[in-house]
Amino acid sequence: MDDTKQLRLFLAVLIPDDVRSKIEAAVSPVRAQMQQVRWVRADLWHLTLVFLAYRPAAAVATIRDLASRVCRDEPPFGVRLDGIGCFPQANRPRVLWIGVCPGSDALATLQRHVCAALKDGGLEVADERFNAHLTIGRVRDEAGADVRAEIGRRWATTAVPRLPLYDVHEFHLMRSDLSPSGPRYTSLAAMPLLGSARA
């Protein structure tokens, strides 16, 4: 690969297949009712830790090595996807999401440590407030205020069953390739969490 080629990259925790299928079954009935939402395909669902935007291909090894520095100290932890909401708020939603509880604190700690490792290695990373969530859909830009409010009301009443707790043992460096038919994500590296469980 050309080392100067720009790759769209992010670091993320992936969603197990059994959890993914349960969410998909719960969300499927509302998709037809909300035509003004661009639904994220289930195979693309993930929990973003750090969005790295476009970086030269030559930086992939550096990003992997820097992010991996936290792995020896970070222990695996449990996560449950639970609760639904909207950004910025329900009466004018732009993003429809499912939350994380328990596990949001552990994800936030991992995210903070990874960002610190990247910055210590000289990489520029945006300082954004971290809010652990799984993006399910994005309201189309052309949707008016009344449509947005209705989408928020419908999403707030969507019944998502109690999902299983699952263990996060690793996070991934992901490549995102955009196309008219939608994005395609590829894991470039898996970074296992090797730390001992905290007392």
N, C-alpha and C. Protein backbone atom coordinates (compact mmCIF):
# COMPACT_ATOMS: atom_id res chain seq x y z
N MET A 1 0.84 -1.19 0.00
CA MET A 1 0.00 0.00 0.00
C MET A 1 0.88 1.25 0.00
N ASP A 2 0.42 2.26 -0.69
CA ASP A 2 1.11 3.55 -0.73
C ASP A 2 1.08 4.18 0.66
N ASP A 3 2.26 4.42 1.26
CA ASP A 3 2.33 4.95 2.62
C ASP A 3 1.75 6.35 2.74
N THR A 4 1.61 7.05 1.60
CA THR A 4 1.07 8.40 1.65
C THR A 4 -0.46 8.41 1.50
N LYS A 5 -1.04 7.28 1.16
CA LYS A 5 -2.50 7.20 1.01
C LYS A 5 -3.17 7.57 2.32
N GLN A 6 -4.21 8.37 2.25
CA GLN A 6 -4.93 8.79 3.45
C GLN A 6 -6.01 7.77 3.80
N LEU A 7 -5.99 7.29 5.04
CA LEU A 7 -6.96 6.32 5.52
C LEU A 7 -7.82 6.95 6.61
N ARG A 8 -9.10 6.68 6.56
CA ARG A 8 -10.02 7.15 7.61
C ARG A 8 -10.00 6.10 8.72
N LEU A 9 -9.58 6.49 9.92
CA LEU A 9 -9.30 5.54 10.99
C LEU A 9 -10.05 5.90 12.27
N PHE A 10 -10.35 4.86 13.04
CA PHE A 10 -10.88 5.07 14.39
C PHE A 10 -10.56 3.86 15.25
N LEU A 11 -10.61 4.04 16.55
CA LEU A 11 -10.41 2.96 17.51
C LEU A 11 -11.75 2.63 18.14
N ALA A 12 -12.06 1.34 18.26
CA ALA A 12 -13.40 0.98 18.69
C ALA A 12 -13.43 -0.37 19.40
N VAL A 13 -14.48 -0.55 20.18
CA VAL A 13 -14.83 -1.84 20.76
C VAL A 13 -15.97 -2.41 19.92
N LEU A 14 -15.84 -3.66 19.51
CA LEU A 14 -16.84 -4.28 18.64
C LEU A 14 -17.97 -4.90 19.46
N ILE A 15 -19.09 -5.18 18.78
CA ILE A 15 -20.29 -5.71 19.43
C ILE A 15 -20.42 -7.20 19.12
N PRO A 16 -20.59 -8.05 20.13
CA PRO A 16 -20.74 -9.50 19.87
C PRO A 16 -21.97 -9.79 19.02
N ASP A 17 -21.90 -10.87 18.26
CA ASP A 17 -22.99 -11.22 17.35
C ASP A 17 -24.32 -11.45 18.07
N ASP A 18 -24.29 -12.08 19.26
CA ASP A 18 -25.56 -12.36 19.94
C ASP A 18 -26.24 -11.07 20.42
N VAL A 19 -25.44 -10.12 20.87
CA VAL A 19 -25.99 -8.82 21.27
C VAL A 19 -26.51 -8.08 20.04
N ARG A 20 -25.74 -8.12 18.98
CA ARG A 20 -26.12 -7.45 17.73
C ARG A 20 -27.47 -7.96 17.22
N SER A 21 -27.68 -9.27 17.25
CA SER A 21 -28.92 -9.83 16.70
C SER A 21 -30.13 -9.45 17.54
N LYS A 22 -29.94 -9.35 18.87
CA LYS A 22 -31.06 -8.95 19.74
C LYS A 22 -31.43 -7.49 19.50
N ILE A 23 -30.45 -6.64 19.34
CA ILE A 23 -30.74 -5.23 19.05
C ILE A 23 -31.42 -5.09 17.70
N GLU A 24 -30.91 -5.81 16.72
CA GLU A 24 -31.49 -5.73 15.38
C GLU A 24 -32.95 -6.13 15.38
N ALA A 25 -33.30 -7.17 16.13
CA ALA A 25 -34.70 -7.61 16.20
C ALA A 25 -35.58 -6.55 16.85
N ALA A 26 -35.02 -5.84 17.85
CA ALA A 26 -35.81 -4.81 18.53
C ALA A 26 -35.99 -3.56 17.68
N VAL A 27 -34.98 -3.21 16.90
CA VAL A 27 -35.01 -1.97 16.13
C VAL A 27 -35.73 -2.13 14.79
N SER A 28 -35.72 -3.32 14.23
CA SER A 28 -36.29 -3.53 12.89
C SER A 28 -37.71 -3.00 12.73
N PRO A 29 -38.62 -3.22 13.70
CA PRO A 29 -40.01 -2.75 13.50
C PRO A 29 -40.14 -1.24 13.36
N VAL A 30 -39.23 -0.46 13.95
CA VAL A 30 -39.39 1.00 13.89
C VAL A 30 -38.75 1.62 12.66
N ARG A 31 -37.93 0.87 11.96
CA ARG A 31 -37.24 1.44 10.80
C ARG A 31 -38.21 1.94 9.74
N ALA A 32 -39.24 1.15 9.46
CA ALA A 32 -40.20 1.53 8.42
C ALA A 32 -41.01 2.75 8.84
N GLN A 33 -41.13 3.00 10.14
CA GLN A 33 -41.92 4.13 10.63
C GLN A 33 -41.15 5.45 10.60
N MET A 34 -39.84 5.36 10.42
CA MET A 34 -39.02 6.58 10.46
C MET A 34 -38.16 6.67 9.20
N GLN A 35 -38.81 7.12 8.13
CA GLN A 35 -38.14 7.19 6.83
C GLN A 35 -37.05 8.27 6.79
N GLN A 36 -37.12 9.24 7.69
CA GLN A 36 -36.16 10.34 7.68
C GLN A 36 -34.90 10.02 8.51
N VAL A 37 -34.72 8.76 8.85
CA VAL A 37 -33.53 8.33 9.59
C VAL A 37 -32.66 7.47 8.67
N ARG A 38 -31.37 7.76 8.65
CA ARG A 38 -30.40 6.88 7.97
C ARG A 38 -29.92 5.88 9.01
N TRP A 39 -30.41 4.66 8.90
CA TRP A 39 -30.11 3.63 9.89
C TRP A 39 -28.73 3.04 9.63
N VAL A 40 -27.96 2.89 10.68
CA VAL A 40 -26.64 2.27 10.57
C VAL A 40 -26.83 0.76 10.44
N ARG A 41 -26.20 0.16 9.45
CA ARG A 41 -26.31 -1.28 9.27
C ARG A 41 -25.76 -2.00 10.50
N ALA A 42 -26.42 -3.10 10.87
CA ALA A 42 -26.04 -3.82 12.09
C ALA A 42 -24.60 -4.32 12.04
N ASP A 43 -24.11 -4.67 10.86
CA ASP A 43 -22.74 -5.17 10.76
C ASP A 43 -21.70 -4.08 10.99
N LEU A 44 -22.14 -2.82 11.04
CA LEU A 44 -21.22 -1.71 11.27
C LEU A 44 -21.25 -1.20 12.72
N TRP A 45 -22.13 -1.73 13.54
CA TRP A 45 -22.27 -1.24 14.91
C TRP A 45 -20.98 -1.45 15.70
N HIS A 46 -20.63 -0.45 16.49
CA HIS A 46 -19.43 -0.51 17.33
C HIS A 46 -19.50 0.61 18.37
N LEU A 47 -18.65 0.53 19.37
CA LEU A 47 -18.52 1.59 20.37
C LEU A 47 -17.22 2.34 20.07
N THR A 48 -17.34 3.56 19.58
CA THR A 48 -16.16 4.34 19.22
C THR A 48 -15.41 4.80 20.47
N LEU A 49 -14.11 4.58 20.49
CA LEU A 49 -13.25 5.11 21.54
C LEU A 49 -12.63 6.44 21.10
N VAL A 50 -12.00 6.43 19.93
CA VAL A 50 -11.34 7.62 19.40
C VAL A 50 -11.51 7.65 17.89
N PHE A 51 -12.04 8.76 17.38
CA PHE A 51 -12.10 8.95 15.93
C PHE A 51 -10.83 9.69 15.51
N LEU A 52 -10.08 9.08 14.63
CA LEU A 52 -8.77 9.61 14.24
C LEU A 52 -8.81 10.37 12.92
N ALA A 53 -9.95 10.35 12.24
CA ALA A 53 -10.10 11.03 10.95
C ALA A 53 -9.09 10.46 9.94
N TYR A 54 -8.66 11.28 8.99
CA TYR A 54 -7.76 10.79 7.94
C TYR A 54 -6.30 10.89 8.37
N ARG A 55 -5.59 9.78 8.22
CA ARG A 55 -4.16 9.71 8.53
C ARG A 55 -3.45 8.98 7.40
N PRO A 56 -2.18 9.30 7.16
CA PRO A 56 -1.44 8.56 6.13
C PRO A 56 -1.29 7.09 6.52
N ALA A 57 -1.30 6.23 5.53
CA ALA A 57 -1.15 4.79 5.79
C ALA A 57 0.10 4.49 6.59
N ALA A 58 1.14 5.30 6.41
CA ALA A 58 2.39 5.08 7.12
C ALA A 58 2.22 5.23 8.63
N ALA A 59 1.14 5.90 9.07
CA ALA A 59 0.91 6.13 10.50
C ALA A 59 0.23 4.97 11.20
N VAL A 60 -0.26 3.99 10.44
CA VAL A 60 -1.03 2.89 11.04
C VAL A 60 -0.21 2.15 12.09
N ALA A 61 1.03 1.80 11.78
CA ALA A 61 1.86 1.05 12.73
C ALA A 61 2.12 1.88 13.98
N THR A 62 2.35 3.17 13.81
CA THR A 62 2.59 4.04 14.96
C THR A 62 1.36 4.12 15.85
N ILE A 63 0.19 4.31 15.24
CA ILE A 63 -1.05 4.37 16.02
C ILE A 63 -1.27 3.07 16.77
N ARG A 64 -1.08 1.96 16.08
CA ARG A 64 -1.24 0.65 16.73
C ARG A 64 -0.30 0.51 17.92
N ASP A 65 0.97 0.85 17.72
CA ASP A 65 1.95 0.68 18.78
C ASP A 65 1.67 1.60 19.97
N LEU A 66 1.29 2.84 19.70
CA LEU A 66 0.99 3.77 20.79
C LEU A 66 -0.25 3.34 21.56
N ALA A 67 -1.31 2.97 20.83
CA ALA A 67 -2.54 2.55 21.50
C ALA A 67 -2.33 1.28 22.30
N SER A 68 -1.45 0.40 21.80
CA SER A 68 -1.19 -0.87 22.49
C SER A 68 -0.47 -0.69 23.82
N ARG A 69 0.14 0.47 24.03
CA ARG A 69 0.88 0.70 25.27
C ARG A 69 0.00 0.58 26.51
N VAL A 70 -1.28 0.88 26.35
CA VAL A 70 -2.16 0.83 27.53
C VAL A 70 -2.62 -0.60 27.83
N CYS A 71 -2.41 -1.52 26.90
CA CYS A 71 -3.03 -2.84 27.01
C CYS A 71 -2.49 -3.67 28.18
N ARG A 72 -1.21 -3.51 28.50
CA ARG A 72 -0.66 -4.34 29.58
C ARG A 72 -1.24 -3.97 30.94
N ASP A 73 -1.76 -2.75 31.07
CA ASP A 73 -2.30 -2.29 32.35
C ASP A 73 -3.82 -2.28 32.41
N GLU A 74 -4.47 -2.30 31.26
CA GLU A 74 -5.93 -2.23 31.23
C GLU A 74 -6.53 -3.63 31.29
N PRO A 75 -7.37 -3.91 32.30
CA PRO A 75 -7.98 -5.24 32.40
C PRO A 75 -9.24 -5.35 31.53
N PRO A 76 -9.63 -6.56 31.17
CA PRO A 76 -10.94 -6.75 30.53
C PRO A 76 -12.05 -6.27 31.48
N PHE A 77 -13.19 -5.94 30.93
CA PHE A 77 -14.30 -5.45 31.77
C PHE A 77 -15.62 -5.80 31.12
N GLY A 78 -16.67 -5.76 31.92
CA GLY A 78 -18.00 -6.10 31.43
C GLY A 78 -18.75 -4.88 30.93
N VAL A 79 -19.56 -5.10 29.90
CA VAL A 79 -20.36 -4.04 29.30
C VAL A 79 -21.77 -4.57 29.05
N ARG A 80 -22.74 -3.73 29.32
CA ARG A 80 -24.10 -4.03 28.89
C ARG A 80 -24.65 -2.81 28.16
N LEU A 81 -25.21 -3.02 26.99
CA LEU A 81 -25.89 -1.95 26.26
C LEU A 81 -27.29 -1.82 26.83
N ASP A 82 -27.62 -0.60 27.27
CA ASP A 82 -28.89 -0.42 27.97
C ASP A 82 -29.32 1.03 27.89
N GLY A 83 -30.61 1.25 27.68
CA GLY A 83 -31.15 2.60 27.64
C GLY A 83 -31.02 3.20 26.25
N ILE A 84 -31.99 4.02 25.87
CA ILE A 84 -31.96 4.67 24.57
C ILE A 84 -32.04 6.17 24.74
N GLY A 85 -31.56 6.89 23.75
CA GLY A 85 -31.59 8.34 23.82
C GLY A 85 -31.24 8.97 22.50
N CYS A 86 -31.14 10.29 22.50
CA CYS A 86 -30.86 11.05 21.29
C CYS A 86 -29.82 12.13 21.61
N PHE A 87 -29.02 12.45 20.61
CA PHE A 87 -28.18 13.65 20.66
C PHE A 87 -28.75 14.65 19.65
N PRO A 88 -28.84 15.94 19.94
CA PRO A 88 -28.50 16.52 21.23
C PRO A 88 -29.59 16.36 22.27
N GLN A 89 -30.87 16.22 21.84
CA GLN A 89 -31.96 15.97 22.77
C GLN A 89 -33.15 15.42 22.00
N ALA A 90 -34.11 14.86 22.76
CA ALA A 90 -35.19 14.08 22.14
C ALA A 90 -36.10 14.90 21.24
N ASN A 91 -36.30 16.20 21.53
CA ASN A 91 -37.24 16.97 20.71
C ASN A 91 -36.61 17.53 19.43
N ARG A 92 -35.29 17.37 19.28
CA ARG A 92 -34.63 17.75 18.02
C ARG A 92 -33.43 16.83 17.79
N PRO A 93 -33.71 15.55 17.62
CA PRO A 93 -32.62 14.56 17.54
C PRO A 93 -31.84 14.64 16.23
N ARG A 94 -30.56 14.39 16.33
CA ARG A 94 -29.70 14.18 15.16
C ARG A 94 -29.18 12.76 15.13
N VAL A 95 -28.91 12.19 16.32
CA VAL A 95 -28.37 10.84 16.45
C VAL A 95 -29.25 10.04 17.41
N LEU A 96 -29.61 8.83 17.00
CA LEU A 96 -30.36 7.91 17.86
C LEU A 96 -29.38 6.86 18.38
N TRP A 97 -29.38 6.63 19.69
CA TRP A 97 -28.37 5.74 20.25
C TRP A 97 -28.94 4.82 21.32
N ILE A 98 -28.14 3.78 21.62
CA ILE A 98 -28.36 2.93 22.79
C ILE A 98 -27.16 3.16 23.71
N GLY A 99 -27.43 3.30 24.99
CA GLY A 99 -26.39 3.64 25.95
C GLY A 99 -25.62 2.43 26.47
N VAL A 100 -24.72 2.69 27.39
CA VAL A 100 -23.87 1.66 28.00
C VAL A 100 -23.99 1.78 29.52
N CYS A 101 -24.43 0.72 30.17
CA CYS A 101 -24.49 0.67 31.63
C CYS A 101 -24.81 -0.76 32.05
N PRO A 102 -23.94 -1.44 32.79
CA PRO A 102 -22.65 -0.98 33.28
C PRO A 102 -21.58 -1.01 32.18
N GLY A 103 -20.41 -0.48 32.51
CA GLY A 103 -19.28 -0.50 31.59
C GLY A 103 -18.89 0.86 31.07
N SER A 104 -19.75 1.88 31.26
CA SER A 104 -19.43 3.20 30.70
C SER A 104 -18.20 3.81 31.36
N ASP A 105 -18.05 3.60 32.67
CA ASP A 105 -16.87 4.15 33.36
C ASP A 105 -15.59 3.49 32.88
N ALA A 106 -15.64 2.17 32.70
CA ALA A 106 -14.46 1.45 32.22
C ALA A 106 -14.10 1.86 30.80
N LEU A 107 -15.11 2.05 29.96
CA LEU A 107 -14.86 2.52 28.59
C LEU A 107 -14.25 3.91 28.60
N ALA A 108 -14.77 4.78 29.48
CA ALA A 108 -14.24 6.14 29.57
C ALA A 108 -12.78 6.14 30.03
N THR A 109 -12.46 5.25 30.98
CA THR A 109 -11.08 5.14 31.45
C THR A 109 -10.17 4.66 30.34
N LEU A 110 -10.60 3.63 29.62
CA LEU A 110 -9.81 3.12 28.50
C LEU A 110 -9.62 4.21 27.45
N GLN A 111 -10.67 4.93 27.12
CA GLN A 111 -10.59 5.98 26.12
C GLN A 111 -9.60 7.07 26.55
N ARG A 112 -9.67 7.45 27.80
CA ARG A 112 -8.78 8.50 28.31
C ARG A 112 -7.33 8.07 28.25
N HIS A 113 -7.06 6.81 28.63
CA HIS A 113 -5.69 6.31 28.62
C HIS A 113 -5.15 6.16 27.20
N VAL A 114 -6.01 5.72 26.28
CA VAL A 114 -5.59 5.59 24.88
C VAL A 114 -5.27 6.96 24.30
N CYS A 115 -6.14 7.94 24.55
CA CYS A 115 -5.88 9.30 24.05
C CYS A 115 -4.57 9.84 24.60
N ALA A 116 -4.31 9.60 25.87
CA ALA A 116 -3.07 10.08 26.49
C ALA A 116 -1.86 9.43 25.83
N ALA A 117 -1.95 8.13 25.55
CA ALA A 117 -0.84 7.42 24.91
C ALA A 117 -0.57 7.96 23.51
N LEU A 118 -1.64 8.24 22.77
CA LEU A 118 -1.48 8.79 21.42
C LEU A 118 -0.85 10.18 21.47
N LYS A 119 -1.31 11.00 22.38
CA LYS A 119 -0.77 12.36 22.50
C LYS A 119 0.68 12.34 22.96
N ASP A 120 0.99 11.44 23.91
CA ASP A 120 2.38 11.33 24.39
C ASP A 120 3.31 10.93 23.25
N GLY A 121 2.76 10.19 22.28
CA GLY A 121 3.56 9.77 21.13
C GLY A 121 3.61 10.80 20.02
N GLY A 122 3.01 11.95 20.26
CA GLY A 122 3.10 13.03 19.29
C GLY A 122 1.97 13.10 18.29
N LEU A 123 0.92 12.29 18.47
CA LEU A 123 -0.21 12.33 17.54
C LEU A 123 -1.25 13.35 18.02
N GLU A 124 -1.80 14.06 17.08
CA GLU A 124 -2.85 15.03 17.41
C GLU A 124 -4.18 14.31 17.50
N VAL A 125 -4.85 14.45 18.63
CA VAL A 125 -6.16 13.82 18.86
C VAL A 125 -7.11 14.89 19.36
N ALA A 126 -8.31 14.92 18.79
CA ALA A 126 -9.29 15.93 19.19
C ALA A 126 -9.72 15.71 20.63
N ASP A 127 -9.80 16.78 21.39
CA ASP A 127 -10.28 16.71 22.77
C ASP A 127 -11.80 16.87 22.76
N GLU A 128 -12.48 15.74 22.71
CA GLU A 128 -13.94 15.77 22.71
C GLU A 128 -14.46 15.04 23.94
N ARG A 129 -15.58 15.52 24.45
CA ARG A 129 -16.19 14.87 25.61
C ARG A 129 -16.63 13.47 25.20
N PHE A 130 -16.21 12.47 26.00
CA PHE A 130 -16.53 11.08 25.66
C PHE A 130 -17.85 10.68 26.29
N ASN A 131 -18.71 10.10 25.49
CA ASN A 131 -20.00 9.62 25.96
C ASN A 131 -20.23 8.26 25.31
N ALA A 132 -20.03 7.20 26.07
CA ALA A 132 -20.12 5.85 25.50
C ALA A 132 -21.53 5.57 25.00
N HIS A 133 -21.64 5.20 23.72
CA HIS A 133 -22.95 4.91 23.14
C HIS A 133 -22.77 4.13 21.84
N LEU A 134 -23.84 3.47 21.45
CA LEU A 134 -23.90 2.76 20.18
C LEU A 134 -24.84 3.53 19.26
N THR A 135 -24.31 4.10 18.19
CA THR A 135 -25.13 4.86 17.24
C THR A 135 -25.96 3.89 16.40
N ILE A 136 -27.28 4.09 16.42
CA ILE A 136 -28.21 3.24 15.68
C ILE A 136 -28.68 3.93 14.39
N GLY A 137 -28.84 5.23 14.44
CA GLY A 137 -29.31 5.95 13.26
C GLY A 137 -29.02 7.44 13.36
N ARG A 138 -29.06 8.11 12.22
CA ARG A 138 -28.86 9.56 12.14
C ARG A 138 -30.02 10.17 11.37
N VAL A 139 -30.62 11.19 11.93
CA VAL A 139 -31.74 11.86 11.27
C VAL A 139 -31.21 12.65 10.08
N ARG A 140 -31.90 12.53 8.96
CA ARG A 140 -31.46 13.20 7.74
C ARG A 140 -31.50 14.72 7.91
N ASP A 141 -30.56 15.40 7.28
CA ASP A 141 -30.43 16.85 7.43
C ASP A 141 -31.69 17.59 7.02
N GLU A 142 -32.40 17.05 6.03
CA GLU A 142 -33.56 17.77 5.50
C GLU A 142 -34.81 17.62 6.37
N ALA A 143 -34.76 16.79 7.40
CA ALA A 143 -35.92 16.60 8.28
C ALA A 143 -36.25 17.90 9.02
N GLY A 144 -37.51 18.31 8.98
CA GLY A 144 -37.94 19.52 9.66
C GLY A 144 -38.12 19.32 11.15
N ALA A 145 -38.41 20.41 11.85
CA ALA A 145 -38.52 20.37 13.31
C ALA A 145 -39.62 19.42 13.78
N ASP A 146 -40.79 19.45 13.10
CA ASP A 146 -41.89 18.59 13.51
C ASP A 146 -41.55 17.12 13.30
N VAL A 147 -40.89 16.83 12.18
CA VAL A 147 -40.49 15.45 11.89
C VAL A 147 -39.47 14.98 12.93
N ARG A 148 -38.52 15.83 13.26
CA ARG A 148 -37.51 15.46 14.26
C ARG A 148 -38.16 15.18 15.62
N ALA A 149 -39.10 16.02 16.00
CA ALA A 149 -39.77 15.82 17.29
C ALA A 149 -40.52 14.49 17.31
N GLU A 150 -41.17 14.15 16.19
CA GLU A 150 -41.89 12.87 16.11
C GLU A 150 -40.93 11.69 16.16
N ILE A 151 -39.79 11.82 15.47
CA ILE A 151 -38.78 10.76 15.53
C ILE A 151 -38.30 10.56 16.96
N GLY A 152 -38.06 11.66 17.66
CA GLY A 152 -37.63 11.57 19.05
C GLY A 152 -38.65 10.87 19.92
N ARG A 153 -39.94 11.17 19.71
CA ARG A 153 -41.01 10.53 20.49
C ARG A 153 -41.07 9.03 20.19
N ARG A 154 -41.00 8.70 18.91
CA ARG A 154 -41.07 7.28 18.54
C ARG A 154 -39.87 6.49 19.09
N TRP A 155 -38.68 7.10 18.95
CA TRP A 155 -37.48 6.40 19.43
C TRP A 155 -37.54 6.19 20.94
N ALA A 156 -38.08 7.17 21.67
CA ALA A 156 -38.16 7.08 23.14
C ALA A 156 -39.06 5.94 23.59
N THR A 157 -39.99 5.52 22.74
CA THR A 157 -40.91 4.43 23.11
C THR A 157 -40.50 3.09 22.51
N THR A 158 -39.35 3.05 21.84
CA THR A 158 -38.87 1.79 21.27
C THR A 158 -38.46 0.83 22.39
N ALA A 159 -38.99 -0.36 22.34
CA ALA A 159 -38.72 -1.35 23.40
C ALA A 159 -37.50 -2.19 23.03
N VAL A 160 -36.42 -2.00 23.78
CA VAL A 160 -35.22 -2.81 23.60
C VAL A 160 -35.14 -3.77 24.78
N PRO A 161 -35.07 -5.08 24.55
CA PRO A 161 -35.05 -6.03 25.67
C PRO A 161 -33.77 -5.89 26.49
N ARG A 162 -33.78 -6.44 27.70
CA ARG A 162 -32.58 -6.43 28.52
C ARG A 162 -31.52 -7.27 27.81
N LEU A 163 -30.41 -6.65 27.51
CA LEU A 163 -29.36 -7.30 26.74
C LEU A 163 -28.33 -7.94 27.66
N PRO A 164 -27.65 -8.98 27.19
CA PRO A 164 -26.69 -9.68 28.05
C PRO A 164 -25.44 -8.85 28.31
N LEU A 165 -24.89 -9.04 29.51
CA LEU A 165 -23.58 -8.47 29.84
C LEU A 165 -22.53 -9.25 29.05
N TYR A 166 -21.57 -8.53 28.46
CA TYR A 166 -20.50 -9.24 27.76
C TYR A 166 -19.16 -8.65 28.15
N ASP A 167 -18.13 -9.46 28.00
CA ASP A 167 -16.79 -9.03 28.39
C ASP A 167 -16.06 -8.40 27.21
N VAL A 168 -15.44 -7.26 27.48
CA VAL A 168 -14.58 -6.60 26.49
C VAL A 168 -13.15 -7.02 26.77
N HIS A 169 -12.55 -7.80 25.87
CA HIS A 169 -11.19 -8.31 26.02
C HIS A 169 -10.19 -7.57 25.13
N GLU A 170 -10.70 -6.74 24.21
CA GLU A 170 -9.81 -6.09 23.25
C GLU A 170 -10.52 -4.91 22.62
N PHE A 171 -9.73 -4.05 21.99
CA PHE A 171 -10.29 -3.02 21.13
C PHE A 171 -9.53 -3.05 19.81
N HIS A 172 -10.05 -2.38 18.80
CA HIS A 172 -9.55 -2.51 17.43
C HIS A 172 -9.19 -1.17 16.82
N LEU A 173 -8.17 -1.18 15.99
CA LEU A 173 -7.89 -0.07 15.09
C LEU A 173 -8.63 -0.38 13.79
N MET A 174 -9.57 0.49 13.44
CA MET A 174 -10.47 0.24 12.32
C MET A 174 -10.20 1.21 11.18
N ARG A 175 -10.35 0.70 9.97
CA ARG A 175 -10.31 1.51 8.76
C ARG A 175 -11.72 1.66 8.23
N SER A 176 -12.09 2.88 7.83
CA SER A 176 -13.41 3.14 7.28
C SER A 176 -13.25 3.60 5.83
N ASP A 177 -13.86 2.84 4.92
CA ASP A 177 -13.86 3.21 3.50
C ASP A 177 -15.27 3.64 3.12
N LEU A 178 -15.41 4.88 2.70
CA LEU A 178 -16.72 5.43 2.36
C LEU A 178 -17.03 5.20 0.88
N SER A 179 -18.31 4.96 0.60
CA SER A 179 -18.75 4.76 -0.78
C SER A 179 -20.22 5.15 -0.87
N PRO A 180 -20.75 5.34 -2.10
CA PRO A 180 -22.17 5.68 -2.24
C PRO A 180 -23.10 4.63 -1.64
N SER A 181 -22.66 3.38 -1.57
CA SER A 181 -23.50 2.32 -1.01
C SER A 181 -23.35 2.21 0.50
N GLY A 182 -22.54 3.05 1.10
CA GLY A 182 -22.36 3.02 2.55
C GLY A 182 -20.92 2.68 2.92
N PRO A 183 -20.56 2.89 4.18
CA PRO A 183 -19.18 2.63 4.61
C PRO A 183 -18.88 1.15 4.73
N ARG A 184 -17.61 0.83 4.67
CA ARG A 184 -17.13 -0.53 4.94
C ARG A 184 -16.01 -0.41 5.96
N TYR A 185 -16.11 -1.19 7.05
CA TYR A 185 -15.12 -1.14 8.11
C TYR A 185 -14.25 -2.39 8.08
N THR A 186 -12.97 -2.19 8.29
CA THR A 186 -12.00 -3.29 8.33
C THR A 186 -11.13 -3.13 9.56
N SER A 187 -10.98 -4.20 10.33
CA SER A 187 -10.07 -4.16 11.48
C SER A 187 -8.64 -4.32 10.99
N LEU A 188 -7.81 -3.34 11.31
CA LEU A 188 -6.40 -3.39 10.94
C LEU A 188 -5.54 -4.00 12.04
N ALA A 189 -6.03 -3.96 13.27
CA ALA A 189 -5.29 -4.53 14.40
C ALA A 189 -6.22 -4.70 15.58
N ALA A 190 -6.10 -5.84 16.27
CA ALA A 190 -6.81 -6.08 17.53
C ALA A 190 -5.82 -5.94 18.67
N MET A 191 -6.20 -5.21 19.70
CA MET A 191 -5.30 -4.96 20.83
C MET A 191 -5.92 -5.52 22.10
N PRO A 192 -5.42 -6.66 22.58
CA PRO A 192 -6.01 -7.32 23.74
C PRO A 192 -5.69 -6.59 25.04
N LEU A 193 -6.64 -6.58 25.95
CA LEU A 193 -6.47 -5.97 27.28
C LEU A 193 -5.86 -7.03 28.19
N LEU A 194 -4.68 -6.78 28.69
CA LEU A 194 -3.89 -7.80 29.40
C LEU A 194 -3.74 -7.54 30.89
N GLY A 195 -4.31 -6.43 31.39
CA GLY A 195 -4.15 -6.08 32.80
C GLY A 195 -4.95 -7.00 33.71
N SER A 196 -4.57 -7.01 34.97
CA SER A 196 -5.30 -7.79 35.98
C SER A 196 -6.52 -7.00 36.42
N ALA A 197 -7.57 -7.74 36.79
CA ALA A 197 -8.80 -7.09 37.23
C ALA A 197 -8.52 -6.23 38.46
N ARG A 198 -9.12 -5.04 38.48
CA ARG A 198 -8.91 -4.16 39.61
C ARG A 198 -9.69 -4.65 40.82
N ALA A 199 -9.08 -4.47 41.99
CA ALA A 199 -9.74 -4.92 43.24
C ALA A 199 -10.92 -4.01 43.55
